C-alpha atoms as a PDB file:
ATOM      1  CA  UNK A   1      -4.982  14.270 -39.892  1.00  0.00           C
ATOM      2  CA  UNK A   2      -1.708  15.221 -40.250  1.00  0.00           C
ATOM      3  CA  UNK A   3      -2.504  18.785 -39.026  1.00  0.00           C
ATOM      4  CA  UNK A   4      -3.945  17.571 -35.588  1.00  0.00           C
ATOM      5  CA  UNK A   5      -0.754  15.311 -35.013  1.00  0.00           C
ATOM      6  CA  UNK A   6       1.207  18.284 -35.357  1.00  0.00           C
ATOM      7  CA  UNK A   7      -0.682  20.245 -33.072  1.00  0.00           C
ATOM      8  CA  UNK A   8      -0.767  17.255 -30.325  1.00  0.00           C
ATOM      9  CA  UNK A   9       3.370  17.350 -31.201  1.00  0.00           C
ATOM     10  CA  UNK A  10       3.704  21.099 -30.614  1.00  0.00           C
ATOM     11  CA  UNK A  11       1.742  21.195 -27.519  1.00  0.00           C
ATOM     12  CA  UNK A  12       3.950  18.608 -25.758  1.00  0.00           C
ATOM     13  CA  UNK A  13       7.072  20.226 -26.894  1.00  0.00           C
ATOM     14  CA  UNK A  14       5.312  23.434 -25.064  1.00  0.00           C
ATOM     15  CA  UNK A  15       4.565  21.152 -22.216  1.00  0.00           C
ATOM     16  CA  UNK A  16       7.927  19.984 -21.980  1.00  0.00           C
ATOM     17  CA  UNK A  17       9.597  23.133 -22.135  1.00  0.00           C
ATOM     18  CA  UNK A  18       7.055  25.019 -19.398  1.00  0.00           C
ATOM     19  CA  UNK A  19       7.247  21.811 -17.130  1.00  0.00           C
ATOM     20  CA  UNK A  20      10.899  22.124 -17.239  1.00  0.00           C
ATOM     21  CA  UNK A  21      11.018  25.621 -16.223  1.00  0.00           C
ATOM     22  CA  UNK A  22       8.506  25.644 -13.712  1.00  0.00           C
ATOM     23  CA  UNK A  23       9.970  22.826 -12.076  1.00  0.00           C
ATOM     24  CA  UNK A  24      13.302  24.189 -11.826  1.00  0.00           C
ATOM     25  CA  UNK A  25      12.309  27.363 -10.825  1.00  0.00           C
ATOM     26  CA  UNK A  26      10.199  25.401  -7.814  1.00  0.00           C
ATOM     27  CA  UNK A  27      13.356  23.364  -6.647  1.00  0.00           C
ATOM     28  CA  UNK A  28      15.489  26.522  -6.296  1.00  0.00           C
ATOM     29  CA  UNK A  29      13.070  28.526  -4.608  1.00  0.00           C
ATOM     30  CA  UNK A  30      12.608  25.461  -2.343  1.00  0.00           C
ATOM     31  CA  UNK A  31      16.223  24.993  -1.429  1.00  0.00           C
ATOM     32  CA  UNK A  32      16.945  28.551  -1.327  1.00  0.00           C
ATOM     33  CA  UNK A  33      13.855  30.000   0.743  1.00  0.00           C
ATOM     34  CA  UNK A  34      11.576  27.575   1.878  1.00  0.00           C
ATOM     35  CA  UNK A  35      13.449  24.612   3.487  1.00  0.00           C
ATOM     36  CA  UNK A  36      15.464  26.958   5.180  1.00  0.00           C
ATOM     37  CA  UNK A  37      12.364  28.662   7.006  1.00  0.00           C
ATOM     38  CA  UNK A  38      11.871  28.066  10.584  1.00  0.00           C
ATOM     39  CA  UNK A  39       7.879  28.175   9.929  1.00  0.00           C
ATOM     40  CA  UNK A  40       6.313  24.725   9.364  1.00  0.00           C
ATOM     41  CA  UNK A  41       4.510  24.456   6.198  1.00  0.00           C
ATOM     42  CA  UNK A  42       1.269  22.459   6.024  1.00  0.00           C
ATOM     43  CA  UNK A  43       1.677  19.104   4.210  1.00  0.00           C
ATOM     44  CA  UNK A  44      -1.636  20.061   1.679  1.00  0.00           C
ATOM     45  CA  UNK A  45       0.566  23.284   0.967  1.00  0.00           C
ATOM     46  CA  UNK A  46       3.741  21.008   0.454  1.00  0.00           C
ATOM     47  CA  UNK A  47       1.561  18.924  -1.951  1.00  0.00           C
ATOM     48  CA  UNK A  48      -0.016  21.316  -4.115  1.00  0.00           C
ATOM     49  CA  UNK A  49       3.482  23.279  -4.503  1.00  0.00           C
ATOM     50  CA  UNK A  50       4.844  19.854  -5.959  1.00  0.00           C
ATOM     51  CA  UNK A  51       1.820  19.385  -8.329  1.00  0.00           C
ATOM     52  CA  UNK A  52       1.508  22.759  -9.366  1.00  0.00           C
ATOM     53  CA  UNK A  53       4.254  22.652 -12.160  1.00  0.00           C
ATOM     54  CA  UNK A  54       3.043  19.524 -13.799  1.00  0.00           C
ATOM     55  CA  UNK A  55      -0.867  20.744 -13.295  1.00  0.00           C
ATOM     56  CA  UNK A  56      -0.402  24.228 -15.089  1.00  0.00           C
ATOM     57  CA  UNK A  57       1.988  22.925 -17.781  1.00  0.00           C
ATOM     58  CA  UNK A  58      -0.746  20.339 -18.405  1.00  0.00           C
ATOM     59  CA  UNK A  59      -3.856  22.729 -18.144  1.00  0.00           C
ATOM     60  CA  UNK A  60      -1.952  25.087 -20.039  1.00  0.00           C
ATOM     61  CA  UNK A  61      -0.637  22.650 -23.160  1.00  0.00           C
ATOM     62  CA  UNK A  62      -4.359  20.854 -23.308  1.00  0.00           C
ATOM     63  CA  UNK A  63      -6.792  24.112 -23.260  1.00  0.00           C
ATOM     64  CA  UNK A  64      -4.466  26.735 -24.831  1.00  0.00           C
ATOM     65  CA  UNK A  65      -1.486  25.565 -26.567  1.00  0.00           C
ATOM     66  CA  UNK A  66      -3.488  22.932 -28.581  1.00  0.00           C
ATOM     67  CA  UNK A  67      -6.446  25.030 -29.588  1.00  0.00           C
ATOM     68  CA  UNK A  68      -4.546  27.959 -30.508  1.00  0.00           C
ATOM     69  CA  UNK A  69      -2.529  26.097 -32.736  1.00  0.00           C
ATOM     70  CA  UNK A  70      -5.672  24.482 -34.180  1.00  0.00           C
ATOM     71  CA  UNK A  71      -6.842  28.110 -34.804  1.00  0.00           C
ATOM     72  CA  UNK A  72      -4.109  30.495 -35.844  1.00  0.00           C
ATOM     73  CA  UNK A  73      -1.273  27.970 -37.169  1.00  0.00           C
ATOM     74  CA  UNK A  74      -0.826  27.339 -40.837  1.00  0.00           C
ATOM     75  CA  UNK A  75      -1.077  23.950 -42.575  1.00  0.00           C
ATOM     76  CA  UNK A  76       2.499  23.931 -43.910  1.00  0.00           C
ATOM     77  CA  UNK A  77       4.752  21.954 -42.392  1.00  0.00           C
ATOM     78  CA  UNK A  78       7.538  24.167 -40.470  1.00  0.00           C
ATOM     79  CA  UNK A  79       8.651  22.188 -37.318  1.00  0.00           C
ATOM     80  CA  UNK A  80      12.120  21.214 -37.090  1.00  0.00           C
ATOM     81  CA  UNK A  81      13.608  18.300 -35.179  1.00  0.00           C
ATOM     82  CA  UNK A  82      13.803  20.079 -31.970  1.00  0.00           C
ATOM     83  CA  UNK A  83      10.047  19.986 -31.761  1.00  0.00           C
ATOM     84  CA  UNK A  84      10.191  16.358 -32.246  1.00  0.00           C
ATOM     85  CA  UNK A  85      12.560  15.833 -29.787  1.00  0.00           C
ATOM     86  CA  UNK A  86      10.766  18.409 -27.166  1.00  0.00           C
ATOM     87  CA  UNK A  87       7.391  16.007 -27.724  1.00  0.00           C
ATOM     88  CA  UNK A  88       9.506  12.748 -27.323  1.00  0.00           C
ATOM     89  CA  UNK A  89      10.789  13.828 -23.931  1.00  0.00           C
ATOM     90  CA  UNK A  90       7.251  15.134 -22.798  1.00  0.00           C
ATOM     91  CA  UNK A  91       6.135  11.438 -23.755  1.00  0.00           C
ATOM     92  CA  UNK A  92       8.780   9.899 -21.845  1.00  0.00           C
ATOM     93  CA  UNK A  93       8.029  12.186 -18.507  1.00  0.00           C
ATOM     94  CA  UNK A  94       4.424  10.960 -18.684  1.00  0.00           C
ATOM     95  CA  UNK A  95       5.158   7.121 -19.568  1.00  0.00           C
ATOM     96  CA  UNK A  96       8.026   7.209 -16.938  1.00  0.00           C
ATOM     97  CA  UNK A  97       6.035   8.621 -14.242  1.00  0.00           C
ATOM     98  CA  UNK A  98       2.804   5.757 -15.243  1.00  0.00           C
ATOM     99  CA  UNK A  99       5.016   3.074 -15.042  1.00  0.00           C
ATOM    100  CA  UNK A 100       6.822   4.255 -11.560  1.00  0.00           C
ATOM    101  CA  UNK A 101       3.486   4.242 -10.554  1.00  0.00           C
ATOM    102  CA  UNK A 102       2.778   0.372 -11.876  1.00  0.00           C
ATOM    103  CA  UNK A 103       5.816  -0.671 -10.410  1.00  0.00           C
ATOM    104  CA  UNK A 104       5.068   0.620  -6.682  1.00  0.00           C
ATOM    105  CA  UNK A 105       1.339  -0.621  -6.675  1.00  0.00           C
ATOM    106  CA  UNK A 106       3.014  -4.139  -7.770  1.00  0.00           C
ATOM    107  CA  UNK A 107       5.720  -3.824  -4.842  1.00  0.00           C
ATOM    108  CA  UNK A 108       2.601  -2.933  -2.513  1.00  0.00           C
ATOM    109  CA  UNK A 109       0.253  -5.518  -3.454  1.00  0.00           C
ATOM    110  CA  UNK A 110       3.278  -8.269  -2.989  1.00  0.00           C
ATOM    111  CA  UNK A 111       3.589  -6.862   0.224  1.00  0.00           C
ATOM    112  CA  UNK A 112      -0.009  -6.654   1.129  1.00  0.00           C
ATOM    113  CA  UNK A 113      -0.974  -9.951  -0.292  1.00  0.00           C
ATOM    114  CA  UNK A 114       2.318 -11.726   1.758  1.00  0.00           C
ATOM    115  CA  UNK A 115       0.885 -10.129   5.206  1.00  0.00           C
ATOM    116  CA  UNK A 116      -2.970 -10.910   4.730  1.00  0.00           C
ATOM    117  CA  UNK A 117      -2.137 -14.680   4.562  1.00  0.00           C
ATOM    118  CA  UNK A 118      -3.567 -15.776   7.733  1.00  0.00           C
ATOM    119  CA  UNK A 119      -4.968 -12.504   8.554  1.00  0.00           C
ATOM    120  CA  UNK A 120      -7.820 -11.923  10.549  1.00  0.00           C
ATOM    121  CA  UNK A 121     -10.565  -9.177   9.965  1.00  0.00           C
ATOM    122  CA  UNK A 122     -11.367  -7.259  12.909  1.00  0.00           C
ATOM    123  CA  UNK A 123     -14.335  -5.332  13.394  1.00  0.00           C
ATOM    124  CA  UNK A 124     -14.878  -1.922  11.354  1.00  0.00           C
ATOM    125  CA  UNK A 125     -16.795   1.464  11.357  1.00  0.00           C
ATOM    126  CA  UNK A 126     -18.453   1.663   7.587  1.00  0.00           C
ATOM    127  CA  UNK A 127     -16.694   5.361   7.587  1.00  0.00           C
ATOM    128  CA  UNK A 128     -12.883   3.738   8.161  1.00  0.00           C
ATOM    129  CA  UNK A 129     -10.736   1.551   6.319  1.00  0.00           C
ATOM    130  CA  UNK A 130     -11.068  -2.167   7.550  1.00  0.00           C
ATOM    131  CA  UNK A 131      -8.487  -3.592  10.214  1.00  0.00           C
ATOM    132  CA  UNK A 132      -6.906  -6.731   9.683  1.00  0.00           C
ATOM    133  CA  UNK A 133      -4.922  -8.492  12.143  1.00  0.00           C
ATOM    134  CA  UNK A 134      -1.662 -10.385  10.625  1.00  0.00           C
ATOM    135  CA  UNK A 135       0.911 -12.693  11.732  1.00  0.00           C
ATOM    136  CA  UNK A 136       3.815 -11.318  10.220  1.00  0.00           C
ATOM    137  CA  UNK A 137       3.987  -7.565   8.598  1.00  0.00           C
ATOM    138  CA  UNK A 138       5.194  -4.012   9.284  1.00  0.00           C
ATOM    139  CA  UNK A 139       3.829  -3.458  12.760  1.00  0.00           C
ATOM    140  CA  UNK A 140       0.936  -1.040  11.685  1.00  0.00           C
ATOM    141  CA  UNK A 141       0.600   0.765   8.471  1.00  0.00           C
ATOM    142  CA  UNK A 142      -2.548   1.721   5.939  1.00  0.00           C
ATOM    143  CA  UNK A 143      -2.215   0.411   2.322  1.00  0.00           C
ATOM    144  CA  UNK A 144      -4.520   0.702  -0.653  1.00  0.00           C
ATOM    145  CA  UNK A 145      -6.242   3.283  -2.463  1.00  0.00           C
ATOM    146  CA  UNK A 146      -9.147   1.940  -3.800  1.00  0.00           C
ATOM    147  CA  UNK A 147      -9.891  -0.420  -1.106  1.00  0.00           C
ATOM    148  CA  UNK A 148      -7.913   1.253   2.170  1.00  0.00           C
ATOM    149  CA  UNK A 149      -6.928  -1.119   4.792  1.00  0.00           C
ATOM    150  CA  UNK A 150      -5.149  -1.142   8.089  1.00  0.00           C
ATOM    151  CA  UNK A 151      -2.691  -4.143   8.939  1.00  0.00           C
ATOM    152  CA  UNK A 152      -2.122  -4.733  12.558  1.00  0.00           C
ATOM    153  CA  UNK A 153       0.576  -7.446  13.237  1.00  0.00           C
ATOM    154  CA  UNK A 154      -0.138  -9.420  16.306  1.00  0.00           C
ATOM    155  CA  UNK A 155       3.016  -8.569  17.966  1.00  0.00           C
ATOM    156  CA  UNK A 156       2.085  -4.775  17.532  1.00  0.00           C
ATOM    157  CA  UNK A 157      -1.298  -5.578  19.117  1.00  0.00           C
ATOM    158  CA  UNK A 158       0.237  -7.475  21.965  1.00  0.00           C
ATOM    159  CA  UNK A 159       2.856  -4.586  22.564  1.00  0.00           C
ATOM    160  CA  UNK A 160       0.178  -1.608  22.722  1.00  0.00           C
ATOM    161  CA  UNK A 161      -2.534  -1.032  25.295  1.00  0.00           C
ATOM    162  CA  UNK A 162      -5.841  -0.367  24.465  1.00  0.00           C
ATOM    163  CA  UNK A 163      -5.562   3.149  24.432  1.00  0.00           C
ATOM    164  CA  UNK A 164      -2.285   3.295  22.501  1.00  0.00           C
ATOM    165  CA  UNK A 165      -3.790   0.980  19.907  1.00  0.00           C
ATOM    166  CA  UNK A 166      -6.796   3.165  19.280  1.00  0.00           C
ATOM    167  CA  UNK A 167      -4.954   6.304  19.054  1.00  0.00           C
ATOM    168  CA  UNK A 168      -2.677   4.706  16.585  1.00  0.00           C
ATOM    169  CA  UNK A 169      -5.558   3.402  14.180  1.00  0.00           C
ATOM    170  CA  UNK A 170      -7.278   6.745  14.443  1.00  0.00           C
ATOM    171  CA  UNK A 171      -3.738   8.090  13.080  1.00  0.00           C
ATOM    172  CA  UNK A 172      -3.840   5.760  10.060  1.00  0.00           C
ATOM    173  CA  UNK A 173      -7.695   6.553   9.713  1.00  0.00           C
ATOM    174  CA  UNK A 174      -6.336  10.259   9.320  1.00  0.00           C
ATOM    175  CA  UNK A 175      -4.048   9.128   6.487  1.00  0.00           C
ATOM    176  CA  UNK A 176      -7.190   7.446   4.751  1.00  0.00           C
ATOM    177  CA  UNK A 177      -9.238  10.306   4.744  1.00  0.00           C
ATOM    178  CA  UNK A 178      -6.466  12.485   3.501  1.00  0.00           C
ATOM    179  CA  UNK A 179      -5.856  10.543   0.852  1.00  0.00           C
ATOM    180  CA  UNK A 180      -2.035  10.170   1.312  1.00  0.00           C
ATOM    181  CA  UNK A 181      -1.549   6.811  -0.258  1.00  0.00           C
ATOM    182  CA  UNK A 182      -3.183   8.461  -3.643  1.00  0.00           C
ATOM    183  CA  UNK A 183      -1.165  11.449  -3.215  1.00  0.00           C
ATOM    184  CA  UNK A 184       1.859   9.222  -2.935  1.00  0.00           C
ATOM    185  CA  UNK A 185       0.641   7.573  -5.963  1.00  0.00           C
ATOM    186  CA  UNK A 186       0.443  10.768  -7.733  1.00  0.00           C
ATOM    187  CA  UNK A 187       4.048  12.332  -6.336  1.00  0.00           C
ATOM    188  CA  UNK A 188       5.459   8.759  -8.132  1.00  0.00           C
ATOM    189  CA  UNK A 189       3.696   9.733 -11.367  1.00  0.00           C
ATOM    190  CA  UNK A 190       5.427  13.727 -11.693  1.00  0.00           C
ATOM    191  CA  UNK A 191       9.152  12.893 -12.657  1.00  0.00           C
ATOM    192  CA  UNK A 192      11.772  15.504 -11.923  1.00  0.00           C
ATOM    193  CA  UNK A 193      15.163  15.318 -10.372  1.00  0.00           C
ATOM    194  CA  UNK A 194      15.673  17.689  -7.695  1.00  0.00           C
ATOM    195  CA  UNK A 195      12.295  17.077  -5.854  1.00  0.00           C
ATOM    196  CA  UNK A 196      12.978  14.477  -3.515  1.00  0.00           C
ATOM    197  CA  UNK A 197      13.825  17.070  -0.614  1.00  0.00           C
ATOM    198  CA  UNK A 198      10.394  18.729  -1.129  1.00  0.00           C
ATOM    199  CA  UNK A 199       8.718  15.120  -1.456  1.00  0.00           C
ATOM    200  CA  UNK A 200      10.183  14.034   1.777  1.00  0.00           C
ATOM    201  CA  UNK A 201       8.993  17.508   3.494  1.00  0.00           C
ATOM    202  CA  UNK A 202       5.653  16.551   2.597  1.00  0.00           C
ATOM    203  CA  UNK A 203       5.531  13.110   3.909  1.00  0.00           C
ATOM    204  CA  UNK A 204       6.918  14.336   7.099  1.00  0.00           C
ATOM    205  CA  UNK A 205       4.247  17.367   7.001  1.00  0.00           C
ATOM    206  CA  UNK A 206       1.437  14.430   6.459  1.00  0.00           C
ATOM    207  CA  UNK A 207       2.638  12.641   9.808  1.00  0.00           C
ATOM    208  CA  UNK A 208       2.617  15.843  11.713  1.00  0.00           C
ATOM    209  CA  UNK A 209      -0.944  16.335  10.293  1.00  0.00           C
ATOM    210  CA  UNK A 210      -2.510  12.745  10.943  1.00  0.00           C
ATOM    211  CA  UNK A 211      -1.000  13.058  14.494  1.00  0.00           C
ATOM    212  CA  UNK A 212      -2.736  16.525  14.810  1.00  0.00           C
ATOM    213  CA  UNK A 213      -6.300  14.999  13.756  1.00  0.00           C
ATOM    214  CA  UNK A 214      -5.818  11.541  15.207  1.00  0.00           C
ATOM    215  CA  UNK A 215      -5.794  13.224  18.838  1.00  0.00           C
ATOM    216  CA  UNK A 216      -8.367  15.852  20.738  1.00  0.00           C
ATOM    217  CA  UNK A 217      -7.348  15.661  24.241  1.00  0.00           C
ATOM    218  CA  UNK A 218      -3.750  15.537  25.996  1.00  0.00           C
ATOM    219  CA  UNK A 219      -4.533  11.808  27.157  1.00  0.00           C
ATOM    220  CA  UNK A 220      -5.129  10.439  23.598  1.00  0.00           C
ATOM    221  CA  UNK A 221      -1.816  12.466  22.522  1.00  0.00           C
ATOM    222  CA  UNK A 222       0.049  10.746  25.110  1.00  0.00           C
ATOM    223  CA  UNK A 223      -1.185   7.519  24.124  1.00  0.00           C
ATOM    224  CA  UNK A 224      -0.244   8.339  20.464  1.00  0.00           C
ATOM    225  CA  UNK A 225       3.391   9.277  21.734  1.00  0.00           C
ATOM    226  CA  UNK A 226       3.775   5.998  23.526  1.00  0.00           C
ATOM    227  CA  UNK A 227       2.510   4.120  20.703  1.00  0.00           C
ATOM    228  CA  UNK A 228       5.425   5.812  18.691  1.00  0.00           C
ATOM    229  CA  UNK A 229       8.064   5.538  21.280  1.00  0.00           C
ATOM    230  CA  UNK A 230       7.246   1.627  21.723  1.00  0.00           C
ATOM    231  CA  UNK A 231       6.949   0.792  17.962  1.00  0.00           C
ATOM    232  CA  UNK A 232      10.152   2.905  17.039  1.00  0.00           C
ATOM    233  CA  UNK A 233      12.081   0.882  20.014  1.00  0.00           C
ATOM    234  CA  UNK A 234      10.764  -2.712  19.121  1.00  0.00           C
ATOM    235  CA  UNK A 235      10.602  -2.526  15.464  1.00  0.00           C
ATOM    236  CA  UNK A 236      13.467  -0.030  14.373  1.00  0.00           C
ATOM    237  CA  UNK A 237      13.757  -1.619  11.103  1.00  0.00           C
ATOM    238  CA  UNK A 238      10.451  -1.101   9.507  1.00  0.00           C
ATOM    239  CA  UNK A 239       9.864  -1.232   5.477  1.00  0.00           C
ATOM    240  CA  UNK A 240       6.821   0.674   4.323  1.00  0.00           C
ATOM    241  CA  UNK A 241       5.533  -0.442   1.114  1.00  0.00           C
ATOM    242  CA  UNK A 242       5.586   2.739  -1.472  1.00  0.00           C
ATOM    243  CA  UNK A 243       1.780   3.167  -1.817  1.00  0.00           C
ATOM    244  CA  UNK A 244       1.558   2.477   1.954  1.00  0.00           C
ATOM    245  CA  UNK A 245       1.754   4.810   5.597  1.00  0.00           C
ATOM    246  CA  UNK A 246       2.805   3.408   8.823  1.00  0.00           C
ATOM    247  CA  UNK A 247       2.678   4.842  12.157  1.00  0.00           C
ATOM    248  CA  UNK A 248       6.773   4.987  12.365  1.00  0.00           C
ATOM    249  CA  UNK A 249       7.797   5.828   8.846  1.00  0.00           C
ATOM    250  CA  UNK A 250      11.040   7.437   9.575  1.00  0.00           C
ATOM    251  CA  UNK A 251      12.758   6.911  13.299  1.00  0.00           C
ATOM    252  CA  UNK A 252      14.479  10.010  12.782  1.00  0.00           C
ATOM    253  CA  UNK A 253      10.996  12.158  12.692  1.00  0.00           C
ATOM    254  CA  UNK A 254       9.831  10.313  16.031  1.00  0.00           C
ATOM    255  CA  UNK A 255      11.523  12.626  18.367  1.00  0.00           C
ATOM    256  CA  UNK A 256       9.769  15.653  17.043  1.00  0.00           C
ATOM    257  CA  UNK A 257       6.416  14.021  16.976  1.00  0.00           C
ATOM    258  CA  UNK A 258       6.763  12.766  20.281  1.00  0.00           C
ATOM    259  CA  UNK A 259       7.629  16.287  21.790  1.00  0.00           C
ATOM    260  CA  UNK A 260       4.984  17.782  19.772  1.00  0.00           C
ATOM    261  CA  UNK A 261       2.399  15.395  21.173  1.00  0.00           C
ATOM    262  CA  UNK A 262       3.644  15.691  24.849  1.00  0.00           C
ATOM    263  CA  UNK A 263       3.644  19.407  24.629  1.00  0.00           C
ATOM    264  CA  UNK A 264      -0.119  19.019  23.159  1.00  0.00           C
ATOM    265  CA  UNK A 265      -2.787  21.689  24.488  1.00  0.00           C
ATOM    266  CA  UNK A 266      -6.287  22.399  23.458  1.00  0.00           C
ATOM    267  CA  UNK A 267      -5.072  25.809  22.151  1.00  0.00           C
ATOM    268  CA  UNK A 268      -2.192  24.096  20.006  1.00  0.00           C
ATOM    269  CA  UNK A 269      -4.764  21.989  18.401  1.00  0.00           C
ATOM    270  CA  UNK A 270      -4.667  22.876  14.448  1.00  0.00           C
ATOM    271  CA  UNK A 271      -7.706  25.018  13.043  1.00  0.00           C
ATOM    272  CA  UNK A 272      -9.675  24.340  10.282  1.00  0.00           C
ATOM    273  CA  UNK A 273      -8.096  26.029   7.186  1.00  0.00           C
ATOM    274  CA  UNK A 274     -10.683  28.187   4.859  1.00  0.00           C
ATOM    275  CA  UNK A 275     -10.009  25.716   1.679  1.00  0.00           C
ATOM    276  CA  UNK A 276     -13.486  27.451   0.391  1.00  0.00           C
ATOM    277  CA  UNK A 277     -12.070  30.985  -0.192  1.00  0.00           C
ATOM    278  CA  UNK A 278      -8.843  28.989  -2.027  1.00  0.00           C
ATOM    279  CA  UNK A 279     -11.748  26.994  -4.408  1.00  0.00           C
ATOM    280  CA  UNK A 280     -13.553  30.422  -4.678  1.00  0.00           C
ATOM    281  CA  UNK A 281     -10.670  32.028  -5.926  1.00  0.00           C
ATOM    282  CA  UNK A 282      -9.751  29.257  -8.329  1.00  0.00           C
ATOM    283  CA  UNK A 283     -13.402  29.443  -9.701  1.00  0.00           C
ATOM    284  CA  UNK A 284     -12.997  33.109 -10.068  1.00  0.00           C
ATOM    285  CA  UNK A 285      -9.187  32.799 -11.949  1.00  0.00           C
ATOM    286  CA  UNK A 286     -10.723  30.135 -14.242  1.00  0.00           C
ATOM    287  CA  UNK A 287     -14.119  32.199 -14.868  1.00  0.00           C
ATOM    288  CA  UNK A 288     -11.648  35.220 -15.942  1.00  0.00           C
ATOM    289  CA  UNK A 289      -9.956  33.065 -18.034  1.00  0.00           C
ATOM    290  CA  UNK A 290     -12.573  32.080 -19.985  1.00  0.00           C
ATOM    291  CA  UNK A 291     -13.837  35.809 -20.493  1.00  0.00           C
ATOM    292  CA  UNK A 292     -10.603  36.218 -21.840  1.00  0.00           C
ATOM    293  CA  UNK A 293     -10.127  33.138 -23.705  1.00  0.00           C
ATOM    294  CA  UNK A 294      -9.592  34.607 -27.157  1.00  0.00           C
ATOM    295  CA  UNK A 295      -6.734  36.946 -26.076  1.00  0.00           C
ATOM    296  CA  UNK A 296      -5.245  34.155 -23.785  1.00  0.00           C
ATOM    297  CA  UNK A 297      -5.354  32.077 -27.179  1.00  0.00           C
ATOM    298  CA  UNK A 298      -3.160  34.300 -29.155  1.00  0.00           C
ATOM    299  CA  UNK A 299      -0.763  35.026 -26.354  1.00  0.00           C
ATOM    300  CA  UNK A 300      -0.025  31.593 -26.088  1.00  0.00           C
ATOM    301  CA  UNK A 301       0.335  31.256 -29.632  1.00  0.00           C
ATOM    302  CA  UNK A 302       2.586  33.744 -29.929  1.00  0.00           C
ATOM    303  CA  UNK A 303       4.622  32.417 -26.883  1.00  0.00           C
ATOM    304  CA  UNK A 304       4.653  28.779 -28.656  1.00  0.00           C
ATOM    305  CA  UNK A 305       6.043  30.329 -32.065  1.00  0.00           C
ATOM    306  CA  UNK A 306       8.718  32.069 -29.924  1.00  0.00           C
ATOM    307  CA  UNK A 307       9.618  28.803 -27.804  1.00  0.00           C
ATOM    308  CA  UNK A 308       9.070  26.172 -29.516  1.00  0.00           C
ATOM    309  CA  UNK A 309      11.432  25.279 -32.527  1.00  0.00           C
END
């Protein structure tokens, strides 16, 4: 039992070191290169970049560091205080992330509960989130992860035309299909300083991606642009819950989004990306790692011996 606990502690220590190294590397690369680039990065790419340090560190620690320790390490206790300190740091990272998600969920639930009082459910498509007309809430937003719902205030409903409201609902439906509220929860769970700029860039890119998916003609693009202008003008101080997405998440980004929509043309519509090729590459990489599992375990154990005190 003690030997297994040692293996878990060493794996956590290795996770803390690798996660910190990869996160610092990503933060420096983002600030020095990517954030200054004129080419806009897609929201899915930004999200994958942000999640990658944690995913890589967790995968290596769980599937390589832990089994390599169990296979090659001696049963004599030779870890010092530094190992336990690093393991405690890893636990702190994970527990802090879980607490942040729980706190964000509680705050979002309070906002939704207050907004739903006196609300009226509208007709909905089974493939889209439910739509509720409320008396007092953020003008238009998507809330919820397991049971998503679009909340529309009565004031916003009276302000927008049918075409503008339809475009706004399609925008929020695009957020629903991209699972952006779930992605927000995941980002809340990933704790590391210096990542605010990257997370803000993902949020702005996700709004652009939802705009692109919400329109398929110039008339729809103009309707969505008009809805953005009206809501930003009449409700400038909107408050979006942490696990929710609003049509106007930031007034500062409205100008850029409206300009893109006004300049919309069929040739500028986004093309489908070959995510199947990416998944095939990932599966091939995992297959290659499995084929070389023993050498990989030996290498990771050697690195653990050198890096973990």
